[in-house]
Amino acid sequence: MNLLSVNKFIEANPSFTVGGMRNLIFHADSNGLNDHNAIVRIGRKVMIDVEKFYLWIKAQNSIEV
């Protein structure tokens, strides 16, 4: 498991913005991030499970609209 804070994740992946990530985290129940266990909450701290986050992105691309 590779956990990064939101800020460290953004530093490592500059194509994501703080606002964009905060929005994804806020809507994690409805967008599937929680279903993929890509967000880990430890008290008030929010961590990103990098591998699961990228699996979630791949799953989003395979959904037919």
N, C-alpha and C. Protein backbone atom coordinates (compact mmCIF):
# COMPACT_ATOMS: atom_id res chain seq x y z
N MET A 1 0.85 -1.18 0.00
CA MET A 1 0.00 0.00 0.00
C MET A 1 0.89 1.23 0.00
N ASN A 2 0.68 2.10 -0.96
CA ASN A 2 1.45 3.33 -1.08
C ASN A 2 0.53 4.50 -0.78
N LEU A 3 0.60 5.04 0.45
CA LEU A 3 -0.26 6.14 0.85
C LEU A 3 0.49 7.46 0.78
N LEU A 4 -0.17 8.46 0.19
CA LEU A 4 0.38 9.80 0.14
C LEU A 4 -0.68 10.79 0.62
N SER A 5 -0.23 11.84 1.28
CA SER A 5 -1.16 12.92 1.60
C SER A 5 -1.59 13.57 0.29
N VAL A 6 -2.65 14.34 0.34
CA VAL A 6 -3.14 15.00 -0.87
C VAL A 6 -2.05 15.89 -1.46
N ASN A 7 -1.38 16.67 -0.62
CA ASN A 7 -0.33 17.57 -1.12
C ASN A 7 0.84 16.81 -1.73
N LYS A 8 1.26 15.72 -1.10
CA LYS A 8 2.37 14.92 -1.65
C LYS A 8 1.95 14.25 -2.95
N PHE A 9 0.68 13.79 -3.02
CA PHE A 9 0.18 13.19 -4.25
C PHE A 9 0.23 14.20 -5.39
N ILE A 10 -0.16 15.44 -5.12
CA ILE A 10 -0.17 16.48 -6.14
C ILE A 10 1.26 16.84 -6.55
N GLU A 11 2.18 16.87 -5.60
CA GLU A 11 3.58 17.12 -5.94
C GLU A 11 4.11 16.05 -6.89
N ALA A 12 3.74 14.80 -6.63
CA ALA A 12 4.20 13.69 -7.46
C ALA A 12 3.44 13.59 -8.78
N ASN A 13 2.24 14.18 -8.83
CA ASN A 13 1.37 14.11 -10.01
C ASN A 13 0.82 15.50 -10.31
N PRO A 14 1.64 16.38 -10.89
CA PRO A 14 1.23 17.78 -11.06
C PRO A 14 0.06 18.00 -12.01
N SER A 15 -0.40 16.98 -12.70
CA SER A 15 -1.58 17.16 -13.56
C SER A 15 -2.86 17.28 -12.73
N PHE A 16 -2.79 16.93 -11.44
CA PHE A 16 -3.93 17.09 -10.53
C PHE A 16 -3.74 18.37 -9.73
N THR A 17 -4.86 19.06 -9.46
CA THR A 17 -4.81 20.29 -8.66
C THR A 17 -5.37 20.02 -7.27
N VAL A 18 -5.04 20.90 -6.35
CA VAL A 18 -5.55 20.76 -4.98
C VAL A 18 -7.07 20.81 -5.00
N GLY A 19 -7.63 21.79 -5.69
CA GLY A 19 -9.08 21.93 -5.75
C GLY A 19 -9.75 20.73 -6.38
N GLY A 20 -9.17 20.23 -7.44
CA GLY A 20 -9.73 19.05 -8.11
C GLY A 20 -9.72 17.83 -7.22
N MET A 21 -8.61 17.63 -6.51
CA MET A 21 -8.52 16.47 -5.61
C MET A 21 -9.48 16.62 -4.43
N ARG A 22 -9.57 17.83 -3.89
CA ARG A 22 -10.49 18.05 -2.77
C ARG A 22 -11.93 17.77 -3.21
N ASN A 23 -12.28 18.15 -4.43
CA ASN A 23 -13.61 17.89 -4.96
C ASN A 23 -13.85 16.39 -5.10
N LEU A 24 -12.88 15.67 -5.64
CA LEU A 24 -13.01 14.21 -5.75
C LEU A 24 -13.19 13.56 -4.38
N ILE A 25 -12.43 14.03 -3.40
CA ILE A 25 -12.51 13.47 -2.05
C ILE A 25 -13.87 13.80 -1.42
N PHE A 26 -14.35 15.03 -1.61
CA PHE A 26 -15.63 15.45 -1.05
C PHE A 26 -16.77 14.58 -1.58
N HIS A 27 -16.69 14.21 -2.86
CA HIS A 27 -17.73 13.41 -3.50
C HIS A 27 -17.36 11.93 -3.60
N ALA A 28 -16.47 11.47 -2.73
CA ALA A 28 -15.97 10.09 -2.80
C ALA A 28 -17.08 9.05 -2.67
N ASP A 29 -18.13 9.35 -1.93
CA ASP A 29 -19.24 8.39 -1.79
C ASP A 29 -19.98 8.21 -3.10
N SER A 30 -20.15 9.29 -3.86
CA SER A 30 -20.95 9.20 -5.08
C SER A 30 -20.12 8.91 -6.33
N ASN A 31 -18.82 9.17 -6.31
CA ASN A 31 -18.02 8.96 -7.52
C ASN A 31 -17.28 7.62 -7.54
N GLY A 32 -17.39 6.85 -6.47
CA GLY A 32 -16.79 5.52 -6.46
C GLY A 32 -15.42 5.42 -5.82
N LEU A 33 -14.83 6.54 -5.41
CA LEU A 33 -13.51 6.46 -4.76
C LEU A 33 -13.57 5.62 -3.48
N ASN A 34 -14.63 5.78 -2.70
CA ASN A 34 -14.76 4.98 -1.48
C ASN A 34 -14.96 3.51 -1.81
N ASP A 35 -15.71 3.22 -2.87
CA ASP A 35 -15.93 1.82 -3.27
C ASP A 35 -14.63 1.14 -3.66
N HIS A 36 -13.70 1.90 -4.22
CA HIS A 36 -12.39 1.37 -4.62
C HIS A 36 -11.37 1.43 -3.48
N ASN A 37 -11.78 1.95 -2.32
CA ASN A 37 -10.88 2.11 -1.16
C ASN A 37 -9.64 2.92 -1.51
N ALA A 38 -9.80 3.91 -2.37
CA ALA A 38 -8.67 4.73 -2.79
C ALA A 38 -8.38 5.86 -1.82
N ILE A 39 -9.33 6.15 -0.94
CA ILE A 39 -9.18 7.21 0.06
C ILE A 39 -9.11 6.55 1.43
N VAL A 40 -8.08 6.91 2.20
CA VAL A 40 -7.93 6.39 3.56
C VAL A 40 -7.98 7.59 4.49
N ARG A 41 -8.90 7.53 5.43
CA ARG A 41 -9.03 8.62 6.41
C ARG A 41 -8.50 8.14 7.75
N ILE A 42 -7.59 8.93 8.30
CA ILE A 42 -7.03 8.65 9.62
C ILE A 42 -7.29 9.90 10.45
N GLY A 43 -8.36 9.86 11.24
CA GLY A 43 -8.79 11.07 11.93
C GLY A 43 -9.20 12.10 10.89
N ARG A 44 -8.61 13.27 10.95
CA ARG A 44 -8.90 14.31 9.96
C ARG A 44 -7.99 14.24 8.75
N LYS A 45 -6.96 13.42 8.84
CA LYS A 45 -5.99 13.29 7.74
C LYS A 45 -6.58 12.44 6.63
N VAL A 46 -6.42 12.90 5.39
CA VAL A 46 -6.89 12.16 4.22
C VAL A 46 -5.67 11.73 3.43
N MET A 47 -5.59 10.44 3.17
CA MET A 47 -4.48 9.88 2.42
C MET A 47 -5.01 9.25 1.14
N ILE A 48 -4.19 9.25 0.10
CA ILE A 48 -4.54 8.65 -1.18
C ILE A 48 -3.76 7.35 -1.31
N ASP A 49 -4.46 6.25 -1.56
CA ASP A 49 -3.81 4.98 -1.90
C ASP A 49 -3.55 5.05 -3.40
N VAL A 50 -2.31 5.28 -3.77
CA VAL A 50 -1.95 5.60 -5.16
C VAL A 50 -2.38 4.51 -6.14
N GLU A 51 -2.09 3.26 -5.83
CA GLU A 51 -2.44 2.17 -6.75
C GLU A 51 -3.94 2.08 -6.96
N LYS A 52 -4.69 2.16 -5.87
CA LYS A 52 -6.15 2.06 -5.97
C LYS A 52 -6.75 3.29 -6.65
N PHE A 53 -6.12 4.45 -6.47
CA PHE A 53 -6.59 5.66 -7.14
C PHE A 53 -6.47 5.49 -8.66
N TYR A 54 -5.35 4.96 -9.12
CA TYR A 54 -5.18 4.77 -10.57
C TYR A 54 -6.09 3.67 -11.10
N LEU A 55 -6.38 2.66 -10.29
CA LEU A 55 -7.37 1.65 -10.70
C LEU A 55 -8.74 2.29 -10.84
N TRP A 56 -9.08 3.21 -9.94
CA TRP A 56 -10.35 3.93 -10.02
C TRP A 56 -10.41 4.76 -11.31
N ILE A 57 -9.31 5.42 -11.65
CA ILE A 57 -9.28 6.21 -12.89
C ILE A 57 -9.52 5.30 -14.09
N LYS A 58 -8.85 4.16 -14.13
CA LYS A 58 -9.07 3.22 -15.23
C LYS A 58 -10.52 2.77 -15.30
N ALA A 59 -11.13 2.53 -14.15
CA ALA A 59 -12.53 2.11 -14.12
C ALA A 59 -13.45 3.21 -14.65
N GLN A 60 -13.09 4.48 -14.39
CA GLN A 60 -13.90 5.59 -14.89
C GLN A 60 -13.87 5.64 -16.41
N ASN A 61 -12.74 5.30 -16.98
CA ASN A 61 -12.60 5.35 -18.44
C ASN A 61 -13.31 4.19 -19.12
N SER A 62 -13.63 3.14 -18.38
CA SER A 62 -14.28 1.99 -19.00
C SER A 62 -15.81 2.05 -18.88
N ILE A 63 -16.32 3.06 -18.18
CA ILE A 63 -17.77 3.20 -18.02
C ILE A 63 -18.36 3.80 -19.28
N GLU A 64 -19.40 3.17 -19.80
CA GLU A 64 -20.08 3.69 -20.99
C GLU A 64 -21.16 4.66 -20.55
N VAL A 65 -21.23 5.78 -21.25
CA VAL A 65 -22.22 6.82 -20.92
C VAL A 65 -23.36 6.76 -21.90
